[in-house]
Amino acid sequence: MPDGAQARPTVLSWMFRDRTTGRITVAQLPNWPLATWLLATVVLWLVDPQGWVRVGVTVVSTLALAVWAVDEVLRGVNPFRRLLGGVVLGWLVVSLVMRG
């Protein structure tokens, strides 16, 4: 490559590169809404609560995932994270409407 020439960024680089650090970012810690969703989901699978406890855990799980998705859409560090948040948010809305 000639002096002064810059390599064109690839689509993958553009999609996954953190706009603040320049590093490739797919996942980040800590991420409390996602951890809350995961914990609630594990409780639903392993404990299989019934009645109002199940409803409460399901609401917490859904709200935590929605908070995570909205946060990613608004503040995601790269296009991949924003797109992923949008897809999850869309999936949540569709699944809630289908339960309706």
C-alpha atoms as a PDB file:
ATOM      1  CA  MET A   1       0.000   0.000   0.000  1.00  0.00           C
ATOM      2  CA  PRO A   2       1.476   3.421  -0.919  1.00  0.00           C
ATOM      3  CA  ASP A   3       2.488   5.856   1.817  1.00  0.00           C
ATOM      4  CA  GLY A   4      -0.429   7.868   3.159  1.00  0.00           C
ATOM      5  CA  ALA A   5      -2.992   5.483   1.709  1.00  0.00           C
ATOM      6  CA  GLN A   6      -5.532   4.105   4.153  1.00  0.00           C
ATOM      7  CA  ALA A   7      -7.186   0.742   3.851  1.00  0.00           C
ATOM      8  CA  ARG A   8     -10.912   0.886   3.226  1.00  0.00           C
ATOM      9  CA  PRO A   9     -12.801  -0.496   6.167  1.00  0.00           C
ATOM     10  CA  THR A  10     -14.589  -3.748   5.490  1.00  0.00           C
ATOM     11  CA  VAL A  11     -18.268  -4.235   6.203  1.00  0.00           C
ATOM     12  CA  LEU A  12     -17.400  -6.486   9.155  1.00  0.00           C
ATOM     13  CA  SER A  13     -15.022  -3.900  10.557  1.00  0.00           C
ATOM     14  CA  TRP A  14     -17.653  -1.183  10.187  1.00  0.00           C
ATOM     15  CA  MET A  15     -20.328  -3.388  11.757  1.00  0.00           C
ATOM     16  CA  PHE A  16     -18.388  -4.533  14.837  1.00  0.00           C
ATOM     17  CA  ARG A  17     -15.911  -1.714  15.563  1.00  0.00           C
ATOM     18  CA  ASP A  18     -16.574   0.275  18.750  1.00  0.00           C
ATOM     19  CA  ARG A  19     -16.934   3.921  17.736  1.00  0.00           C
ATOM     20  CA  THR A  20     -15.275   5.176  20.944  1.00  0.00           C
ATOM     21  CA  THR A  21     -12.312   2.808  21.349  1.00  0.00           C
ATOM     22  CA  GLY A  22     -11.820   1.510  17.815  1.00  0.00           C
ATOM     23  CA  ARG A  23     -11.758  -2.060  19.114  1.00  0.00           C
ATOM     24  CA  ILE A  24     -13.974  -4.880  17.839  1.00  0.00           C
ATOM     25  CA  THR A  25     -16.889  -5.263  20.280  1.00  0.00           C
ATOM     26  CA  VAL A  26     -19.502  -8.004  20.262  1.00  0.00           C
ATOM     27  CA  ALA A  27     -20.328  -8.232  23.989  1.00  0.00           C
ATOM     28  CA  GLN A  28     -19.555  -6.080  27.012  1.00  0.00           C
ATOM     29  CA  LEU A  29     -19.636  -6.499  30.781  1.00  0.00           C
ATOM     30  CA  PRO A  30     -21.252  -5.508  33.046  1.00  0.00           C
ATOM     31  CA  ASN A  31     -24.668  -5.639  31.516  1.00  0.00           C
ATOM     32  CA  TRP A  32     -27.181  -5.807  34.375  1.00  0.00           C
ATOM     33  CA  PRO A  33     -30.394  -5.921  32.290  1.00  0.00           C
ATOM     34  CA  LEU A  34     -29.121  -8.882  30.285  1.00  0.00           C
ATOM     35  CA  ALA A  35     -27.862 -10.612  33.445  1.00  0.00           C
ATOM     36  CA  THR A  36     -31.275 -10.064  35.067  1.00  0.00           C
ATOM     37  CA  TRP A  37     -33.028 -11.520  32.029  1.00  0.00           C
ATOM     38  CA  LEU A  38     -30.698 -14.537  32.042  1.00  0.00           C
ATOM     39  CA  LEU A  39     -31.208 -15.183  35.759  1.00  0.00           C
ATOM     40  CA  ALA A  40     -34.998 -14.893  35.439  1.00  0.00           C
ATOM     41  CA  THR A  41     -34.968 -17.237  32.441  1.00  0.00           C
ATOM     42  CA  VAL A  42     -32.898 -19.806  34.333  1.00  0.00           C
ATOM     43  CA  VAL A  43     -35.350 -19.586  37.249  1.00  0.00           C
ATOM     44  CA  LEU A  44     -38.249 -20.175  34.858  1.00  0.00           C
ATOM     45  CA  TRP A  45     -36.538 -23.208  33.310  1.00  0.00           C
ATOM     46  CA  LEU A  46     -35.091 -24.839  36.419  1.00  0.00           C
ATOM     47  CA  VAL A  47     -37.547 -23.928  39.177  1.00  0.00           C
ATOM     48  CA  ASP A  48     -40.693 -23.763  37.030  1.00  0.00           C
ATOM     49  CA  PRO A  49     -42.614 -21.540  39.462  1.00  0.00           C
ATOM     50  CA  GLN A  50     -46.396 -21.444  39.310  1.00  0.00           C
ATOM     51  CA  GLY A  51     -49.086 -18.797  39.824  1.00  0.00           C
ATOM     52  CA  TRP A  52     -48.180 -15.217  40.700  1.00  0.00           C
ATOM     53  CA  VAL A  53     -44.496 -16.102  41.176  1.00  0.00           C
ATOM     54  CA  ARG A  54     -44.293 -17.252  37.537  1.00  0.00           C
ATOM     55  CA  VAL A  55     -46.070 -14.102  36.374  1.00  0.00           C
ATOM     56  CA  GLY A  56     -43.690 -11.926  38.420  1.00  0.00           C
ATOM     57  CA  VAL A  57     -40.552 -13.651  37.140  1.00  0.00           C
ATOM     58  CA  THR A  58     -41.870 -13.478  33.563  1.00  0.00           C
ATOM     59  CA  VAL A  59     -42.581  -9.738  33.896  1.00  0.00           C
ATOM     60  CA  VAL A  60     -39.106  -9.097  35.340  1.00  0.00           C
ATOM     61  CA  SER A  61     -37.536 -11.155  32.568  1.00  0.00           C
ATOM     62  CA  THR A  62     -39.455  -9.350  29.811  1.00  0.00           C
ATOM     63  CA  LEU A  63     -38.827  -5.877  31.245  1.00  0.00           C
ATOM     64  CA  ALA A  64     -35.112  -6.571  31.699  1.00  0.00           C
ATOM     65  CA  LEU A  65     -34.780  -7.731  28.093  1.00  0.00           C
ATOM     66  CA  ALA A  66     -36.747  -4.690  26.874  1.00  0.00           C
ATOM     67  CA  VAL A  67     -34.490  -2.322  28.867  1.00  0.00           C
ATOM     68  CA  TRP A  68     -31.425  -3.995  27.396  1.00  0.00           C
ATOM     69  CA  ALA A  69     -32.800  -3.819  23.843  1.00  0.00           C
ATOM     70  CA  VAL A  70     -33.805  -0.144  24.080  1.00  0.00           C
ATOM     71  CA  ASP A  71     -30.417   0.712  25.598  1.00  0.00           C
ATOM     72  CA  GLU A  72     -28.627  -1.046  22.731  1.00  0.00           C
ATOM     73  CA  VAL A  73     -30.750   0.715  20.102  1.00  0.00           C
ATOM     74  CA  LEU A  74     -30.059   4.117  21.668  1.00  0.00           C
ATOM     75  CA  ARG A  75     -26.494   3.711  22.931  1.00  0.00           C
ATOM     76  CA  GLY A  76     -25.008   0.659  21.212  1.00  0.00           C
ATOM     77  CA  VAL A  77     -21.296   1.093  20.527  1.00  0.00           C
ATOM     78  CA  ASN A  78     -21.499  -0.177  16.958  1.00  0.00           C
ATOM     79  CA  PRO A  79     -24.086  -0.924  14.269  1.00  0.00           C
ATOM     80  CA  PHE A  80     -24.178  -4.625  15.183  1.00  0.00           C
ATOM     81  CA  ARG A  81     -25.191  -3.883  18.772  1.00  0.00           C
ATOM     82  CA  ARG A  82     -27.822  -1.357  17.651  1.00  0.00           C
ATOM     83  CA  LEU A  83     -29.223  -3.789  15.094  1.00  0.00           C
ATOM     84  CA  LEU A  84     -29.267  -6.622  17.626  1.00  0.00           C
ATOM     85  CA  GLY A  85     -31.138  -4.412  20.097  1.00  0.00           C
ATOM     86  CA  GLY A  86     -33.663  -3.511  17.400  1.00  0.00           C
ATOM     87  CA  VAL A  87     -34.199  -7.142  16.406  1.00  0.00           C
ATOM     88  CA  VAL A  88     -34.713  -8.215  20.029  1.00  0.00           C
ATOM     89  CA  LEU A  89     -37.062  -5.283  20.667  1.00  0.00           C
ATOM     90  CA  GLY A  90     -39.058  -6.161  17.548  1.00  0.00           C
ATOM     91  CA  TRP A  91     -39.209  -9.811  18.591  1.00  0.00           C
ATOM     92  CA  LEU A  92     -40.436  -8.792  22.052  1.00  0.00           C
ATOM     93  CA  VAL A  93     -43.188  -6.604  20.627  1.00  0.00           C
ATOM     94  CA  VAL A  94     -44.333  -9.305  18.188  1.00  0.00           C
ATOM     95  CA  SER A  95     -44.294 -12.000  20.872  1.00  0.00           C
ATOM     96  CA  LEU A  96     -46.291  -9.799  23.275  1.00  0.00           C
ATOM     97  CA  VAL A  97     -48.851  -8.979  20.573  1.00  0.00           C
ATOM     98  CA  MET A  98     -49.169 -12.662  19.624  1.00  0.00           C
ATOM     99  CA  ARG A  99     -49.827 -13.604  23.282  1.00  0.00           C
ATOM    100  CA  GLY A 100     -52.388 -10.801  23.387  1.00  0.00           C
END
